[in-house]
Amino acid sequence: MLKQMSWMSVDGPNTDKVLHLRTHPSQPWQPYTAFREHAAPDYKVPKGSKGWATYQKLLRLGWALVPSAEAEQESMLMQKLK
């Protein structure tokens, strides 16, 4: 199983980033909330990063962090191929 995570914008450039995960190279990146088996409850911090607790958990488990620009470029390419 591929274990990748990336901080990606949800509503386009210059918006807050949310943790996204991918477990197979042919799968699209999805928000961490789509992976209940891997997600950890968010911290109750006003304006805190969505997915920070999950990021910390998965980092300790050996998941790889993919740069945002790389993940967003891959995502755009996958959408064009559809």
N, C-alpha and C. Protein backbone atom coordinates (compact mmCIF):
# COMPACT_ATOMS: atom_id res chain seq x y z
N MET A 1 0.85 -1.18 0.00
CA MET A 1 0.00 0.00 0.00
C MET A 1 0.89 1.25 0.00
N LEU A 2 0.57 2.15 -0.89
CA LEU A 2 1.24 3.45 -0.94
C LEU A 2 0.77 4.26 0.26
N LYS A 3 1.65 4.99 0.89
CA LYS A 3 1.31 5.79 2.07
C LYS A 3 1.81 7.20 1.86
N GLN A 4 1.00 8.02 1.19
CA GLN A 4 1.38 9.40 0.89
C GLN A 4 0.38 10.38 1.47
N MET A 5 0.90 11.52 1.90
CA MET A 5 0.04 12.61 2.39
C MET A 5 0.59 13.92 1.86
N SER A 6 -0.31 14.89 1.72
CA SER A 6 0.08 16.20 1.20
C SER A 6 -0.91 17.25 1.69
N TRP A 7 -0.42 18.45 1.89
CA TRP A 7 -1.29 19.58 2.25
C TRP A 7 -1.73 20.24 0.96
N MET A 8 -3.02 20.15 0.66
CA MET A 8 -3.54 20.66 -0.62
C MET A 8 -4.71 21.60 -0.38
N SER A 9 -4.83 22.58 -1.28
CA SER A 9 -5.95 23.51 -1.23
C SER A 9 -7.22 22.78 -1.66
N VAL A 10 -8.32 23.15 -1.05
CA VAL A 10 -9.59 22.53 -1.38
C VAL A 10 -10.35 23.37 -2.40
N ASP A 11 -10.34 24.69 -2.20
CA ASP A 11 -11.12 25.59 -3.05
C ASP A 11 -10.27 26.44 -3.98
N GLY A 12 -9.16 25.91 -4.44
CA GLY A 12 -8.33 26.65 -5.37
C GLY A 12 -7.15 27.31 -4.69
N PRO A 13 -6.32 27.97 -5.49
CA PRO A 13 -5.11 28.58 -4.95
C PRO A 13 -5.42 29.66 -3.91
N ASN A 14 -4.47 29.89 -3.04
CA ASN A 14 -4.56 30.92 -2.00
C ASN A 14 -5.67 30.68 -0.99
N THR A 15 -6.05 29.43 -0.80
CA THR A 15 -7.03 29.08 0.24
C THR A 15 -6.34 28.18 1.26
N ASP A 16 -6.98 27.99 2.38
CA ASP A 16 -6.40 27.12 3.41
C ASP A 16 -6.17 25.73 2.87
N LYS A 17 -5.10 25.11 3.36
CA LYS A 17 -4.78 23.76 2.91
C LYS A 17 -5.27 22.75 3.94
N VAL A 18 -5.69 21.61 3.43
CA VAL A 18 -6.21 20.51 4.23
C VAL A 18 -5.38 19.28 3.89
N LEU A 19 -5.15 18.43 4.86
CA LEU A 19 -4.38 17.21 4.62
C LEU A 19 -5.14 16.29 3.67
N HIS A 20 -4.44 15.81 2.65
CA HIS A 20 -5.00 14.85 1.70
C HIS A 20 -4.14 13.60 1.75
N LEU A 21 -4.76 12.46 1.47
CA LEU A 21 -4.07 11.18 1.51
C LEU A 21 -4.25 10.42 0.20
N ARG A 22 -3.33 9.48 -0.01
CA ARG A 22 -3.42 8.60 -1.17
C ARG A 22 -2.79 7.28 -0.80
N THR A 23 -3.47 6.18 -1.11
CA THR A 23 -2.96 4.85 -0.77
C THR A 23 -2.63 4.00 -2.00
N HIS A 24 -2.87 4.55 -3.18
CA HIS A 24 -2.53 3.87 -4.44
C HIS A 24 -2.21 4.92 -5.49
N PRO A 25 -1.16 4.72 -6.30
CA PRO A 25 -0.77 5.76 -7.26
C PRO A 25 -1.84 6.14 -8.29
N SER A 26 -2.76 5.22 -8.59
CA SER A 26 -3.79 5.54 -9.57
C SER A 26 -5.02 6.18 -8.94
N GLN A 27 -5.05 6.28 -7.61
CA GLN A 27 -6.17 6.91 -6.92
C GLN A 27 -5.97 8.43 -6.88
N PRO A 28 -7.06 9.16 -6.90
CA PRO A 28 -6.93 10.61 -6.72
C PRO A 28 -6.64 10.93 -5.25
N TRP A 29 -6.04 12.09 -5.03
CA TRP A 29 -5.85 12.57 -3.66
C TRP A 29 -7.22 12.88 -3.08
N GLN A 30 -7.41 12.50 -1.81
CA GLN A 30 -8.69 12.76 -1.14
C GLN A 30 -8.42 13.35 0.24
N PRO A 31 -9.35 14.18 0.73
CA PRO A 31 -9.18 14.72 2.07
C PRO A 31 -9.06 13.60 3.10
N TYR A 32 -8.32 13.86 4.14
CA TYR A 32 -8.07 12.84 5.17
C TYR A 32 -9.35 12.29 5.78
N THR A 33 -10.42 13.07 5.77
CA THR A 33 -11.68 12.62 6.35
C THR A 33 -12.31 11.47 5.57
N ALA A 34 -11.86 11.25 4.33
CA ALA A 34 -12.37 10.14 3.53
C ALA A 34 -11.73 8.81 3.95
N PHE A 35 -10.72 8.89 4.80
CA PHE A 35 -9.99 7.70 5.25
C PHE A 35 -10.20 7.52 6.75
N ARG A 36 -11.39 7.10 7.12
CA ARG A 36 -11.72 6.95 8.55
C ARG A 36 -10.76 6.03 9.29
N GLU A 37 -10.24 5.03 8.58
CA GLU A 37 -9.35 4.08 9.23
C GLU A 37 -7.99 4.69 9.58
N HIS A 38 -7.65 5.81 8.96
CA HIS A 38 -6.37 6.47 9.21
C HIS A 38 -6.50 7.81 9.94
N ALA A 39 -7.66 8.43 9.85
CA ALA A 39 -7.85 9.77 10.40
C ALA A 39 -7.88 9.77 11.93
N ALA A 40 -7.32 10.83 12.49
CA ALA A 40 -7.38 11.07 13.94
C ALA A 40 -8.29 12.27 14.15
N PRO A 41 -8.97 12.35 15.28
CA PRO A 41 -9.83 13.52 15.54
C PRO A 41 -9.01 14.82 15.53
N ASP A 42 -9.58 15.84 14.91
CA ASP A 42 -8.89 17.14 14.87
C ASP A 42 -8.78 17.73 16.26
N TYR A 43 -7.72 18.50 16.47
CA TYR A 43 -7.56 19.23 17.72
C TYR A 43 -8.61 20.33 17.77
N LYS A 44 -9.08 20.65 18.94
CA LYS A 44 -10.08 21.70 19.11
C LYS A 44 -9.37 23.04 19.33
N VAL A 45 -8.74 23.53 18.26
CA VAL A 45 -8.01 24.79 18.29
C VAL A 45 -8.66 25.71 17.26
N PRO A 46 -9.13 26.88 17.67
CA PRO A 46 -9.73 27.80 16.70
C PRO A 46 -8.77 28.09 15.54
N LYS A 47 -9.27 27.95 14.34
CA LYS A 47 -8.50 28.18 13.10
C LYS A 47 -7.30 27.25 12.96
N GLY A 48 -7.36 26.09 13.63
CA GLY A 48 -6.27 25.12 13.52
C GLY A 48 -6.29 24.42 12.16
N SER A 49 -5.17 23.87 11.78
CA SER A 49 -5.05 23.17 10.50
C SER A 49 -5.89 21.91 10.50
N LYS A 50 -6.69 21.75 9.47
CA LYS A 50 -7.53 20.56 9.33
C LYS A 50 -6.66 19.38 8.92
N GLY A 51 -6.55 18.43 9.82
CA GLY A 51 -5.76 17.23 9.53
C GLY A 51 -4.44 17.18 10.27
N TRP A 52 -4.14 18.17 11.11
CA TRP A 52 -2.84 18.21 11.79
C TRP A 52 -2.64 16.98 12.68
N ALA A 53 -3.64 16.59 13.42
CA ALA A 53 -3.52 15.40 14.29
C ALA A 53 -3.29 14.14 13.44
N THR A 54 -3.98 14.05 12.32
CA THR A 54 -3.80 12.90 11.42
C THR A 54 -2.40 12.92 10.83
N TYR A 55 -1.93 14.09 10.44
CA TYR A 55 -0.57 14.22 9.89
C TYR A 55 0.46 13.71 10.90
N GLN A 56 0.34 14.13 12.16
CA GLN A 56 1.29 13.71 13.18
C GLN A 56 1.24 12.19 13.39
N LYS A 57 0.05 11.64 13.41
CA LYS A 57 -0.13 10.20 13.59
C LYS A 57 0.52 9.42 12.44
N LEU A 58 0.20 9.82 11.20
CA LEU A 58 0.69 9.08 10.03
C LEU A 58 2.18 9.27 9.82
N LEU A 59 2.71 10.43 10.16
CA LEU A 59 4.15 10.66 10.06
C LEU A 59 4.90 9.67 10.95
N ARG A 60 4.40 9.47 12.17
CA ARG A 60 5.01 8.51 13.09
C ARG A 60 4.92 7.07 12.55
N LEU A 61 3.90 6.81 11.73
CA LEU A 61 3.72 5.47 11.15
C LEU A 61 4.46 5.28 9.83
N GLY A 62 5.25 6.28 9.43
CA GLY A 62 6.09 6.13 8.24
C GLY A 62 5.50 6.61 6.93
N TRP A 63 4.39 7.34 6.97
CA TRP A 63 3.82 7.87 5.75
C TRP A 63 4.74 8.97 5.19
N ALA A 64 4.78 9.10 3.88
CA ALA A 64 5.62 10.09 3.21
C ALA A 64 4.84 11.37 2.94
N LEU A 65 5.50 12.49 3.15
CA LEU A 65 4.90 13.79 2.84
C LEU A 65 5.33 14.20 1.43
N VAL A 66 4.35 14.43 0.56
CA VAL A 66 4.60 14.85 -0.81
C VAL A 66 4.40 16.37 -0.86
N PRO A 67 5.33 17.11 -1.47
CA PRO A 67 5.17 18.57 -1.56
C PRO A 67 3.83 18.93 -2.21
N SER A 68 3.21 19.98 -1.70
CA SER A 68 1.90 20.42 -2.19
C SER A 68 1.88 20.64 -3.70
N ALA A 69 2.89 21.33 -4.21
CA ALA A 69 2.93 21.64 -5.64
C ALA A 69 2.95 20.36 -6.48
N GLU A 70 3.71 19.37 -6.04
CA GLU A 70 3.79 18.10 -6.77
C GLU A 70 2.45 17.37 -6.75
N ALA A 71 1.81 17.30 -5.58
CA ALA A 71 0.53 16.61 -5.45
C ALA A 71 -0.56 17.32 -6.26
N GLU A 72 -0.58 18.65 -6.21
CA GLU A 72 -1.61 19.40 -6.95
C GLU A 72 -1.41 19.26 -8.45
N GLN A 73 -0.15 19.20 -8.90
CA GLN A 73 0.13 19.00 -10.32
C GLN A 73 -0.34 17.61 -10.76
N GLU A 74 -0.05 16.59 -9.95
CA GLU A 74 -0.52 15.23 -10.27
C GLU A 74 -2.04 15.18 -10.33
N SER A 75 -2.67 15.86 -9.39
CA SER A 75 -4.13 15.88 -9.34
C SER A 75 -4.72 16.52 -10.60
N MET A 76 -4.12 17.62 -11.04
CA MET A 76 -4.59 18.29 -12.25
C MET A 76 -4.40 17.40 -13.47
N LEU A 77 -3.29 16.70 -13.55
CA LEU A 77 -3.04 15.79 -14.68
C LEU A 77 -4.06 14.66 -14.71
N MET A 78 -4.37 14.10 -13.54
CA MET A 78 -5.35 13.01 -13.48
C MET A 78 -6.72 13.49 -13.94
N GLN A 79 -7.10 14.74 -13.57
CA GLN A 79 -8.39 15.27 -13.98
C GLN A 79 -8.44 15.49 -15.49
N LYS A 80 -7.33 15.91 -16.08
CA LYS A 80 -7.30 16.13 -17.53
C LYS A 80 -7.40 14.82 -18.30
N LEU A 81 -6.89 13.75 -17.73
CA LEU A 81 -6.91 12.44 -18.39
C LEU A 81 -8.28 11.79 -18.34
N LYS A 82 -9.16 12.27 -17.51
CA LYS A 82 -10.52 11.69 -17.41
C LYS A 82 -11.37 12.07 -18.57
